[in-house]
Amino acid sequence: KTDFINFISDQEWKSIEPVSSWFGPSSFLMSSMSALFQFSMWIRHCHGYLTESLGMPVWGSYAVFALATLGSALVLGLVSEALETDWFV
């Protein structure tokens, strides 16, 4: 606590170089990183729900996530191809 008070009162904070805008808490990069971590925690929560609450075996939970990954890749691929061939225009 004393070191922090001295840091503020002696104005040592002025000698520290500011954080680059790319690494600031409100930057696009850090917001994306935060969203990725939140998504991974959501996946962990879903895995826990499937295995603990529903009693699904762990391999079954992995299979659900594998099929969801393949399905989302299929949909994104189809959308990408549709956009590429000007299907929507």
C-alpha atoms as a PDB file:
ATOM      1  CA  LYS A   1       0.000   0.000   0.000  1.00  0.00           C
ATOM      2  CA  THR A   2       2.829   2.375   0.863  1.00  0.00           C
ATOM      3  CA  ASP A   3       4.573   1.719  -2.458  1.00  0.00           C
ATOM      4  CA  PHE A   4       1.398   2.537  -4.356  1.00  0.00           C
ATOM      5  CA  ILE A   5       0.864   5.772  -2.418  1.00  0.00           C
ATOM      6  CA  ASN A   6       4.495   6.777  -3.082  1.00  0.00           C
ATOM      7  CA  PHE A   7       4.044   5.910  -6.759  1.00  0.00           C
ATOM      8  CA  ILE A   8       1.141   8.353  -6.968  1.00  0.00           C
ATOM      9  CA  SER A   9       2.453  11.114  -4.707  1.00  0.00           C
ATOM     10  CA  ASP A  10       5.958  11.127  -6.232  1.00  0.00           C
ATOM     11  CA  GLN A  11       4.387  11.134  -9.715  1.00  0.00           C
ATOM     12  CA  GLU A  12       6.427   8.129 -10.809  1.00  0.00           C
ATOM     13  CA  TRP A  13       3.538   7.228 -13.118  1.00  0.00           C
ATOM     14  CA  LYS A  14       4.664   9.986 -15.504  1.00  0.00           C
ATOM     15  CA  SER A  15       7.829   8.049 -16.358  1.00  0.00           C
ATOM     16  CA  ILE A  16       5.882   4.997 -17.573  1.00  0.00           C
ATOM     17  CA  GLU A  17       5.261   4.754 -21.299  1.00  0.00           C
ATOM     18  CA  PRO A  18       1.541   4.616 -22.185  1.00  0.00           C
ATOM     19  CA  VAL A  19       0.052   1.398 -23.496  1.00  0.00           C
ATOM     20  CA  SER A  20      -0.288   1.230 -27.284  1.00  0.00           C
ATOM     21  CA  SER A  21      -3.812   1.754 -28.569  1.00  0.00           C
ATOM     22  CA  TRP A  22      -3.754  -1.797 -29.961  1.00  0.00           C
ATOM     23  CA  PHE A  23      -3.395  -3.210 -26.458  1.00  0.00           C
ATOM     24  CA  GLY A  24      -5.737  -0.825 -24.657  1.00  0.00           C
ATOM     25  CA  PRO A  25      -8.678  -2.390 -22.827  1.00  0.00           C
ATOM     26  CA  SER A  26     -11.235  -0.927 -25.228  1.00  0.00           C
ATOM     27  CA  SER A  27      -9.381  -1.743 -28.461  1.00  0.00           C
ATOM     28  CA  PHE A  28     -10.793  -4.103 -31.084  1.00  0.00           C
ATOM     29  CA  LEU A  29      -7.983  -6.605 -30.424  1.00  0.00           C
ATOM     30  CA  MET A  30      -8.619  -6.828 -26.684  1.00  0.00           C
ATOM     31  CA  SER A  31     -12.396  -6.858 -27.130  1.00  0.00           C
ATOM     32  CA  SER A  32     -12.022  -9.787 -29.538  1.00  0.00           C
ATOM     33  CA  MET A  33      -9.734 -11.585 -27.099  1.00  0.00           C
ATOM     34  CA  SER A  34     -12.260 -11.057 -24.323  1.00  0.00           C
ATOM     35  CA  ALA A  35     -15.064 -12.430 -26.510  1.00  0.00           C
ATOM     36  CA  LEU A  36     -12.940 -15.491 -27.297  1.00  0.00           C
ATOM     37  CA  PHE A  37     -12.338 -16.175 -23.595  1.00  0.00           C
ATOM     38  CA  GLN A  38     -16.037 -15.702 -22.821  1.00  0.00           C
ATOM     39  CA  PHE A  39     -16.927 -18.129 -25.611  1.00  0.00           C
ATOM     40  CA  SER A  40     -14.490 -20.711 -24.247  1.00  0.00           C
ATOM     41  CA  MET A  41     -16.040 -20.385 -20.779  1.00  0.00           C
ATOM     42  CA  TRP A  42     -19.500 -20.848 -22.332  1.00  0.00           C
ATOM     43  CA  ILE A  43     -18.296 -24.037 -24.041  1.00  0.00           C
ATOM     44  CA  ARG A  44     -16.883 -25.264 -20.719  1.00  0.00           C
ATOM     45  CA  HIS A  45     -20.215 -24.526 -19.037  1.00  0.00           C
ATOM     46  CA  CYS A  46     -22.086 -26.430 -21.767  1.00  0.00           C
ATOM     47  CA  HIS A  47     -19.720 -29.387 -21.411  1.00  0.00           C
ATOM     48  CA  GLY A  48     -20.339 -29.425 -17.661  1.00  0.00           C
ATOM     49  CA  TYR A  49     -24.100 -29.259 -18.197  1.00  0.00           C
ATOM     50  CA  LEU A  50     -24.050 -32.113 -20.692  1.00  0.00           C
ATOM     51  CA  THR A  51     -21.873 -34.379 -18.558  1.00  0.00           C
ATOM     52  CA  GLU A  52     -23.038 -33.521 -15.036  1.00  0.00           C
ATOM     53  CA  SER A  53     -26.692 -32.502 -15.362  1.00  0.00           C
ATOM     54  CA  LEU A  54     -27.744 -34.712 -18.267  1.00  0.00           C
ATOM     55  CA  GLY A  55     -25.383 -37.585 -17.447  1.00  0.00           C
ATOM     56  CA  MET A  56     -23.927 -37.737 -20.949  1.00  0.00           C
ATOM     57  CA  PRO A  57     -20.546 -39.489 -21.188  1.00  0.00           C
ATOM     58  CA  VAL A  58     -17.560 -37.239 -21.834  1.00  0.00           C
ATOM     59  CA  TRP A  59     -17.001 -38.748 -25.282  1.00  0.00           C
ATOM     60  CA  GLY A  60     -20.628 -37.943 -26.109  1.00  0.00           C
ATOM     61  CA  SER A  61     -20.105 -34.310 -25.183  1.00  0.00           C
ATOM     62  CA  TYR A  62     -17.002 -34.203 -27.366  1.00  0.00           C
ATOM     63  CA  ALA A  63     -19.008 -35.730 -30.216  1.00  0.00           C
ATOM     64  CA  VAL A  64     -21.703 -33.056 -29.841  1.00  0.00           C
ATOM     65  CA  PHE A  65     -19.086 -30.300 -30.030  1.00  0.00           C
ATOM     66  CA  ALA A  66     -17.355 -31.978 -32.976  1.00  0.00           C
ATOM     67  CA  LEU A  67     -20.636 -32.201 -34.893  1.00  0.00           C
ATOM     68  CA  ALA A  68     -21.457 -28.588 -34.008  1.00  0.00           C
ATOM     69  CA  THR A  69     -18.039 -27.511 -35.298  1.00  0.00           C
ATOM     70  CA  LEU A  70     -18.485 -29.445 -38.539  1.00  0.00           C
ATOM     71  CA  GLY A  71     -22.013 -28.105 -38.982  1.00  0.00           C
ATOM     72  CA  SER A  72     -20.998 -24.497 -38.429  1.00  0.00           C
ATOM     73  CA  ALA A  73     -18.064 -24.933 -40.835  1.00  0.00           C
ATOM     74  CA  LEU A  74     -20.452 -26.331 -43.444  1.00  0.00           C
ATOM     75  CA  VAL A  75     -22.866 -23.421 -43.051  1.00  0.00           C
ATOM     76  CA  LEU A  76     -20.071 -20.826 -43.141  1.00  0.00           C
ATOM     77  CA  GLY A  77     -18.600 -22.494 -46.221  1.00  0.00           C
ATOM     78  CA  LEU A  78     -21.945 -22.439 -48.012  1.00  0.00           C
ATOM     79  CA  VAL A  79     -22.498 -18.790 -47.120  1.00  0.00           C
ATOM     80  CA  SER A  80     -18.984 -17.960 -48.286  1.00  0.00           C
ATOM     81  CA  GLU A  81     -19.561 -19.670 -51.623  1.00  0.00           C
ATOM     82  CA  ALA A  82     -22.944 -17.992 -52.039  1.00  0.00           C
ATOM     83  CA  LEU A  83     -21.390 -14.594 -51.443  1.00  0.00           C
ATOM     84  CA  GLU A  84     -18.531 -15.390 -53.795  1.00  0.00           C
ATOM     85  CA  THR A  85     -20.849 -16.303 -56.700  1.00  0.00           C
ATOM     86  CA  ASP A  86     -23.026 -13.199 -56.193  1.00  0.00           C
ATOM     87  CA  TRP A  87     -26.005 -15.405 -55.400  1.00  0.00           C
ATOM     88  CA  PHE A  88     -27.496 -12.792 -53.078  1.00  0.00           C
ATOM     89  CA  VAL A  89     -27.247  -9.928 -55.591  1.00  0.00           C
END
